[in-house]
Amino acid sequence: GVGKSTVAVNLAVALANDGAKVGLVDADIYGP
């Protein structure tokens, strides 16, 4: 509940918007 997924999504989208090829893996079995 500290915002890991929110940080990961925002970081991934920001990098993609800057032109990076980005993949995001979500392995959170308790709350994907």
PDB file of all heavy atoms in Angstrom:
ATOM      1  N   GLY A   1       0.781  -1.235   0.000  1.00  0.00           N
ATOM      2  CA  GLY A   1       0.000   0.000   0.000  1.00  0.00           C
ATOM      3  C   GLY A   1       0.810   1.280   0.000  1.00  0.00           C
ATOM      4  O   GLY A   1       0.338   2.315   0.465  1.00  0.00           O
ATOM      5  N   VAL A   2       2.028   1.229  -0.528  1.00  0.00           N
ATOM      6  CA  VAL A   2       2.869   2.430  -0.527  1.00  0.00           C
ATOM      7  C   VAL A   2       2.983   3.085  -1.913  1.00  0.00           C
ATOM      8  O   VAL A   2       3.685   4.065  -2.067  1.00  0.00           O
ATOM      9  CB  VAL A   2       4.286   2.135   0.029  1.00  0.00           C
ATOM     10  CG1 VAL A   2       4.205   1.759   1.490  1.00  0.00           C
ATOM     11  CG2 VAL A   2       4.989   1.062  -0.773  1.00  0.00           C
ATOM     12  N   GLY A   3       2.294   2.536  -2.915  1.00  0.00           N
ATOM     13  CA  GLY A   3       2.293   3.159  -4.234  1.00  0.00           C
ATOM     14  C   GLY A   3       3.283   2.595  -5.226  1.00  0.00           C
ATOM     15  O   GLY A   3       3.633   3.268  -6.206  1.00  0.00           O
ATOM     16  N   LYS A   4       3.740   1.369  -5.018  1.00  0.00           N
ATOM     17  CA  LYS A   4       4.717   0.768  -5.935  1.00  0.00           C
ATOM     18  C   LYS A   4       4.169   0.682  -7.353  1.00  0.00           C
ATOM     19  O   LYS A   4       4.848   1.039  -8.315  1.00  0.00           O
ATOM     20  CB  LYS A   4       5.106  -0.637  -5.463  1.00  0.00           C
ATOM     21  CG  LYS A   4       5.803  -0.679  -4.122  1.00  0.00           C
ATOM     22  CD  LYS A   4       6.072  -2.096  -3.670  1.00  0.00           C
ATOM     23  CE  LYS A   4       4.820  -2.871  -3.358  1.00  0.00           C
ATOM     24  NZ  LYS A   4       4.126  -2.492  -2.137  1.00  0.00           N
ATOM     25  N   SER A   5       2.943   0.215  -7.487  1.00  0.00           N
ATOM     26  CA  SER A   5       2.349   0.068  -8.817  1.00  0.00           C
ATOM     27  C   SER A   5       2.145   1.423  -9.481  1.00  0.00           C
ATOM     28  O   SER A   5       2.393   1.580 -10.672  1.00  0.00           O
ATOM     29  CB  SER A   5       1.019  -0.677  -8.728  1.00  0.00           C
ATOM     30  OG  SER A   5       1.223  -1.990  -8.285  1.00  0.00           O
ATOM     31  N   THR A   6       1.723   2.406  -8.710  1.00  0.00           N
ATOM     32  CA  THR A   6       1.532   3.758  -9.255  1.00  0.00           C
ATOM     33  C   THR A   6       2.849   4.333  -9.748  1.00  0.00           C
ATOM     34  O   THR A   6       2.928   4.905 -10.836  1.00  0.00           O
ATOM     35  CB  THR A   6       0.915   4.679  -8.185  1.00  0.00           C
ATOM     36  OG1 THR A   6      -0.314   4.096  -7.735  1.00  0.00           O
ATOM     37  CG2 THR A   6       0.647   6.066  -8.739  1.00  0.00           C
ATOM     38  N   VAL A   7       3.898   4.166  -8.966  1.00  0.00           N
ATOM     39  CA  VAL A   7       5.229   4.644  -9.372  1.00  0.00           C
ATOM     40  C   VAL A   7       5.684   3.907 -10.626  1.00  0.00           C
ATOM     41  O   VAL A   7       6.177   4.516 -11.577  1.00  0.00           O
ATOM     42  CB  VAL A   7       6.252   4.466  -8.227  1.00  0.00           C
ATOM     43  CG1 VAL A   7       7.678   4.672  -8.723  1.00  0.00           C
ATOM     44  CG2 VAL A   7       5.942   5.428  -7.099  1.00  0.00           C
ATOM     45  N   ALA A   8       5.503   2.582 -10.651  1.00  0.00           N
ATOM     46  CA  ALA A   8       5.944   1.786 -11.797  1.00  0.00           C
ATOM     47  C   ALA A   8       5.220   2.208 -13.074  1.00  0.00           C
ATOM     48  O   ALA A   8       5.846   2.350 -14.132  1.00  0.00           O
ATOM     49  CB  ALA A   8       5.725   0.298 -11.518  1.00  0.00           C
ATOM     50  N   VAL A   9       3.902   2.406 -13.004  1.00  0.00           N
ATOM     51  CA  VAL A   9       3.122   2.806 -14.184  1.00  0.00           C
ATOM     52  C   VAL A   9       3.555   4.179 -14.665  1.00  0.00           C
ATOM     53  O   VAL A   9       3.785   4.390 -15.864  1.00  0.00           O
ATOM     54  CB  VAL A   9       1.607   2.779 -13.880  1.00  0.00           C
ATOM     55  CG1 VAL A   9       0.817   3.534 -14.930  1.00  0.00           C
ATOM     56  CG2 VAL A   9       1.115   1.348 -13.778  1.00  0.00           C
ATOM     57  N   ASN A  10       3.672   5.130 -13.759  1.00  0.00           N
ATOM     58  CA  ASN A  10       4.062   6.486 -14.166  1.00  0.00           C
ATOM     59  C   ASN A  10       5.468   6.528 -14.733  1.00  0.00           C
ATOM     60  O   ASN A  10       5.728   7.224 -15.716  1.00  0.00           O
ATOM     61  CB  ASN A  10       3.916   7.449 -12.980  1.00  0.00           C
ATOM     62  CG  ASN A  10       2.479   7.831 -12.748  1.00  0.00           C
ATOM     63  OD1 ASN A  10       1.851   8.452 -13.586  1.00  0.00           O
ATOM     64  ND2 ASN A  10       1.944   7.429 -11.608  1.00  0.00           N
ATOM     65  N   LEU A  11       6.373   5.780 -14.156  1.00  0.00           N
ATOM     66  CA  LEU A  11       7.749   5.710 -14.664  1.00  0.00           C
ATOM     67  C   LEU A  11       7.772   5.077 -16.052  1.00  0.00           C
ATOM     68  O   LEU A  11       8.429   5.582 -16.968  1.00  0.00           O
ATOM     69  CB  LEU A  11       8.617   4.918 -13.690  1.00  0.00           C
ATOM     70  CG  LEU A  11      10.092   4.792 -14.001  1.00  0.00           C
ATOM     71  CD1 LEU A  11      10.750   6.160 -14.099  1.00  0.00           C
ATOM     72  CD2 LEU A  11      10.778   3.959 -12.923  1.00  0.00           C
ATOM     73  N   ALA A  12       7.035   3.986 -16.227  1.00  0.00           N
ATOM     74  CA  ALA A  12       7.001   3.295 -17.519  1.00  0.00           C
ATOM     75  C   ALA A  12       6.426   4.193 -18.613  1.00  0.00           C
ATOM     76  O   ALA A  12       6.981   4.286 -19.714  1.00  0.00           O
ATOM     77  CB  ALA A  12       6.185   2.009 -17.407  1.00  0.00           C
ATOM     78  N   VAL A  13       5.312   4.858 -18.337  1.00  0.00           N
ATOM     79  CA  VAL A  13       4.687   5.726 -19.344  1.00  0.00           C
ATOM     80  C   VAL A  13       5.574   6.931 -19.647  1.00  0.00           C
ATOM     81  O   VAL A  13       5.728   7.326 -20.805  1.00  0.00           O
ATOM     82  CB  VAL A  13       3.276   6.164 -18.892  1.00  0.00           C
ATOM     83  CG1 VAL A  13       2.691   7.214 -19.828  1.00  0.00           C
ATOM     84  CG2 VAL A  13       2.344   4.953 -18.816  1.00  0.00           C
ATOM     85  N   ALA A  14       6.209   7.497 -18.631  1.00  0.00           N
ATOM     86  CA  ALA A  14       7.114   8.636 -18.852  1.00  0.00           C
ATOM     87  C   ALA A  14       8.297   8.235 -19.726  1.00  0.00           C
ATOM     88  O   ALA A  14       8.673   8.971 -20.654  1.00  0.00           O
ATOM     89  CB  ALA A  14       7.602   9.190 -17.515  1.00  0.00           C
ATOM     90  N   LEU A  15       8.874   7.067 -19.459  1.00  0.00           N
ATOM     91  CA  LEU A  15       9.987   6.606 -20.287  1.00  0.00           C
ATOM     92  C   LEU A  15       9.537   6.343 -21.722  1.00  0.00           C
ATOM     93  O   LEU A  15      10.242   6.672 -22.675  1.00  0.00           O
ATOM     94  CB  LEU A  15      10.604   5.340 -19.681  1.00  0.00           C
ATOM     95  CG  LEU A  15      11.413   5.548 -18.403  1.00  0.00           C
ATOM     96  CD1 LEU A  15      11.714   4.213 -17.733  1.00  0.00           C
ATOM     97  CD2 LEU A  15      12.686   6.313 -18.689  1.00  0.00           C
ATOM     98  N   ALA A  16       8.353   5.748 -21.888  1.00  0.00           N
ATOM     99  CA  ALA A  16       7.821   5.499 -23.235  1.00  0.00           C
ATOM    100  C   ALA A  16       7.570   6.818 -23.958  1.00  0.00           C
ATOM    101  O   ALA A  16       7.852   6.939 -25.152  1.00  0.00           O
ATOM    102  CB  ALA A  16       6.538   4.677 -23.149  1.00  0.00           C
ATOM    103  N   ASN A  17       7.049   7.815 -23.253  1.00  0.00           N
ATOM    104  CA  ASN A  17       6.815   9.125 -23.864  1.00  0.00           C
ATOM    105  C   ASN A  17       8.111   9.799 -24.285  1.00  0.00           C
ATOM    106  O   ASN A  17       8.123  10.632 -25.183  1.00  0.00           O
ATOM    107  CB  ASN A  17       6.036  10.035 -22.908  1.00  0.00           C
ATOM    108  CG  ASN A  17       4.581   9.673 -22.813  1.00  0.00           C
ATOM    109  OD1 ASN A  17       4.033   8.977 -23.674  1.00  0.00           O
ATOM    110  ND2 ASN A  17       3.923  10.120 -21.754  1.00  0.00           N
ATOM    111  N   ASP A  18       9.212   9.442 -23.625  1.00  0.00           N
ATOM    112  CA  ASP A  18      10.528   9.975 -23.990  1.00  0.00           C
ATOM    113  C   ASP A  18      11.185   9.182 -25.107  1.00  0.00           C
ATOM    114  O   ASP A  18      12.311   9.453 -25.484  1.00  0.00           O
ATOM    115  CB  ASP A  18      11.459   9.996 -22.776  1.00  0.00           C
ATOM    116  CG  ASP A  18      11.385  11.299 -22.011  1.00  0.00           C
ATOM    117  OD1 ASP A  18      10.718  12.239 -22.474  1.00  0.00           O
ATOM    118  OD2 ASP A  18      12.021  11.379 -20.941  1.00  0.00           O
ATOM    119  N   GLY A  19      10.492   8.156 -25.607  1.00  0.00           N
ATOM    120  CA  GLY A  19      11.004   7.400 -26.749  1.00  0.00           C
ATOM    121  C   GLY A  19      11.618   6.057 -26.413  1.00  0.00           C
ATOM    122  O   GLY A  19      12.098   5.360 -27.308  1.00  0.00           O
ATOM    123  N   ALA A  20      11.622   5.670 -25.148  1.00  0.00           N
ATOM    124  CA  ALA A  20      12.201   4.371 -24.775  1.00  0.00           C
ATOM    125  C   ALA A  20      11.225   3.248 -25.112  1.00  0.00           C
ATOM    126  O   ALA A  20      10.014   3.444 -25.101  1.00  0.00           O
ATOM    127  CB  ALA A  20      12.527   4.349 -23.284  1.00  0.00           C
ATOM    128  N   LYS A  21      11.766   2.096 -25.413  1.00  0.00           N
ATOM    129  CA  LYS A  21      10.950   0.891 -25.561  1.00  0.00           C
ATOM    130  C   LYS A  21      10.796   0.324 -24.160  1.00  0.00           C
ATOM    131  O   LYS A  21      11.793  -0.010 -23.507  1.00  0.00           O
ATOM    132  CB  LYS A  21      11.620  -0.127 -26.468  1.00  0.00           C
ATOM    133  CG  LYS A  21      11.657   0.302 -27.913  1.00  0.00           C
ATOM    134  CD  LYS A  21      12.271  -0.785 -28.761  1.00  0.00           C
ATOM    135  CE  LYS A  21      12.320  -0.349 -30.213  1.00  0.00           C
ATOM    136  NZ  LYS A  21      12.942  -1.372 -31.054  1.00  0.00           N
ATOM    137  N   VAL A  22       9.555   0.222 -23.686  1.00  0.00           N
ATOM    138  CA  VAL A  22       9.320  -0.114 -22.285  1.00  0.00           C
ATOM    139  C   VAL A  22       8.392  -1.308 -22.154  1.00  0.00           C
ATOM    140  O   VAL A  22       7.365  -1.388 -22.826  1.00  0.00           O
ATOM    141  CB  VAL A  22       8.706   1.088 -21.527  1.00  0.00           C
ATOM    142  CG1 VAL A  22       8.492   0.752 -20.064  1.00  0.00           C
ATOM    143  CG2 VAL A  22       9.585   2.319 -21.664  1.00  0.00           C
ATOM    144  N   GLY A  23       8.761  -2.220 -21.259  1.00  0.00           N
ATOM    145  CA  GLY A  23       7.899  -3.322 -20.878  1.00  0.00           C
ATOM    146  C   GLY A  23       7.691  -3.277 -19.376  1.00  0.00           C
ATOM    147  O   GLY A  23       8.595  -2.927 -18.623  1.00  0.00           O
ATOM    148  N   LEU A  24       6.483  -3.594 -18.930  1.00  0.00           N
ATOM    149  CA  LEU A  24       6.138  -3.560 -17.513  1.00  0.00           C
ATOM    150  C   LEU A  24       5.602  -4.927 -17.112  1.00  0.00           C
ATOM    151  O   LEU A  24       4.660  -5.430 -17.722  1.00  0.00           O
ATOM    152  CB  LEU A  24       5.084  -2.472 -17.270  1.00  0.00           C
ATOM    153  CG  LEU A  24       4.564  -2.258 -15.857  1.00  0.00           C
ATOM    154  CD1 LEU A  24       5.687  -1.918 -14.897  1.00  0.00           C
ATOM    155  CD2 LEU A  24       3.537  -1.130 -15.870  1.00  0.00           C
ATOM    156  N   VAL A  25       6.225  -5.532 -16.111  1.00  0.00           N
ATOM    157  CA  VAL A  25       5.797  -6.846 -15.628  1.00  0.00           C
ATOM    158  C   VAL A  25       5.186  -6.670 -14.249  1.00  0.00           C
ATOM    159  O   VAL A  25       5.805  -6.090 -13.355  1.00  0.00           O
ATOM    160  CB  VAL A  25       6.986  -7.832 -15.550  1.00  0.00           C
ATOM    161  CG1 VAL A  25       6.532  -9.167 -14.974  1.00  0.00           C
ATOM    162  CG2 VAL A  25       7.617  -8.016 -16.913  1.00  0.00           C
ATOM    163  N   ASP A  26       3.960  -7.166 -14.087  1.00  0.00           N
ATOM    164  CA  ASP A  26       3.239  -7.079 -12.818  1.00  0.00           C
ATOM    165  C   ASP A  26       3.060  -8.487 -12.280  1.00  0.00           C
ATOM    166  O   ASP A  26       2.297  -9.274 -12.818  1.00  0.00           O
ATOM    167  CB  ASP A  26       1.878  -6.423 -13.068  1.00  0.00           C
ATOM    168  CG  ASP A  26       0.985  -6.394 -11.836  1.00  0.00           C
ATOM    169  OD1 ASP A  26       1.507  -6.469 -10.710  1.00  0.00           O
ATOM    170  OD2 ASP A  26      -0.239  -6.278 -12.013  1.00  0.00           O
ATOM    171  N   ALA A  27       3.788  -8.811 -11.218  1.00  0.00           N
ATOM    172  CA  ALA A  27       3.714 -10.149 -10.635  1.00  0.00           C
ATOM    173  C   ALA A  27       3.101 -10.114  -9.242  1.00  0.00           C
ATOM    174  O   ALA A  27       3.361 -10.980  -8.419  1.00  0.00           O
ATOM    175  CB  ALA A  27       5.105 -10.766 -10.595  1.00  0.00           C
ATOM    176  N   ASP A  28       2.282  -9.114  -8.964  1.00  0.00           N
ATOM    177  CA  ASP A  28       1.655  -8.962  -7.649  1.00  0.00           C
ATOM    178  C   ASP A  28       0.454  -9.897  -7.550  1.00  0.00           C
ATOM    179  O   ASP A  28      -0.623  -9.601  -8.060  1.00  0.00           O
ATOM    180  CB  ASP A  28       1.228  -7.510  -7.452  1.00  0.00           C
ATOM    181  CG  ASP A  28       0.696  -7.234  -6.057  1.00  0.00           C
ATOM    182  OD1 ASP A  28       0.411  -8.197  -5.316  1.00  0.00           O
ATOM    183  OD2 ASP A  28       0.551  -6.047  -5.723  1.00  0.00           O
ATOM    184  N   ILE A  29       0.632 -11.021  -6.891  1.00  0.00           N
ATOM    185  CA  ILE A  29      -0.449 -12.012  -6.830  1.00  0.00           C
ATOM    186  C   ILE A  29      -1.549 -11.611  -5.857  1.00  0.00           C
ATOM    187  O   ILE A  29      -2.658 -12.126  -5.936  1.00  0.00           O
ATOM    188  CB  ILE A  29       0.078 -13.422  -6.468  1.00  0.00           C
ATOM    189  CG1 ILE A  29       0.781 -13.402  -5.116  1.00  0.00           C
ATOM    190  CG2 ILE A  29       0.997 -13.942  -7.559  1.00  0.00           C
ATOM    191  CD1 ILE A  29       1.189 -14.761  -4.610  1.00  0.00           C
ATOM    192  N   TYR A  30      -1.285 -10.674  -4.947  1.00  0.00           N
ATOM    193  CA  TYR A  30      -2.296 -10.269  -3.971  1.00  0.00           C
ATOM    194  C   TYR A  30      -3.176  -9.122  -4.456  1.00  0.00           C
ATOM    195  O   TYR A  30      -4.285  -8.954  -3.973  1.00  0.00           O
ATOM    196  CB  TYR A  30      -1.630  -9.892  -2.649  1.00  0.00           C
ATOM    197  CG  TYR A  30      -0.958 -11.062  -1.996  1.00  0.00           C
ATOM    198  CD1 TYR A  30       0.422 -11.149  -1.956  1.00  0.00           C
ATOM    199  CD2 TYR A  30      -1.711 -12.097  -1.460  1.00  0.00           C
ATOM    200  CE1 TYR A  30       1.051 -12.244  -1.369  1.00  0.00           C
ATOM    201  CE2 TYR A  30      -1.096 -13.201  -0.879  1.00  0.00           C
ATOM    202  CZ  TYR A  30       0.276 -13.264  -0.838  1.00  0.00           C
ATOM    203  OH  TYR A  30       0.884 -14.336  -0.265  1.00  0.00           O
ATOM    204  N   GLY A  31      -2.705  -8.339  -5.378  1.00  0.00           N
ATOM    205  CA  GLY A  31      -3.497  -7.215  -5.861  1.00  0.00           C
ATOM    206  C   GLY A  31      -2.960  -6.660  -7.155  1.00  0.00           C
ATOM    207  O   GLY A  31      -2.452  -5.542  -7.199  1.00  0.00           O
ATOM    208  N   PRO A  32      -3.026  -7.434  -8.235  1.00  0.00           N
ATOM    209  CA  PRO A  32      -2.476  -6.962  -9.515  1.00  0.00           C
ATOM    210  C   PRO A  32      -3.327  -5.832 -10.089  1.00  0.00           C
ATOM    211  O   PRO A  32      -4.390  -6.052 -10.641  1.00  0.00           O
ATOM    212  CB  PRO A  32      -2.529  -8.214 -10.392  1.00  0.00           C
ATOM    213  CG  PRO A  32      -3.615  -9.047  -9.790  1.00  0.00           C
ATOM    214  CD  PRO A  32      -3.630  -8.753  -8.330  1.00  0.00           C
TER     215      PRO A  32
END
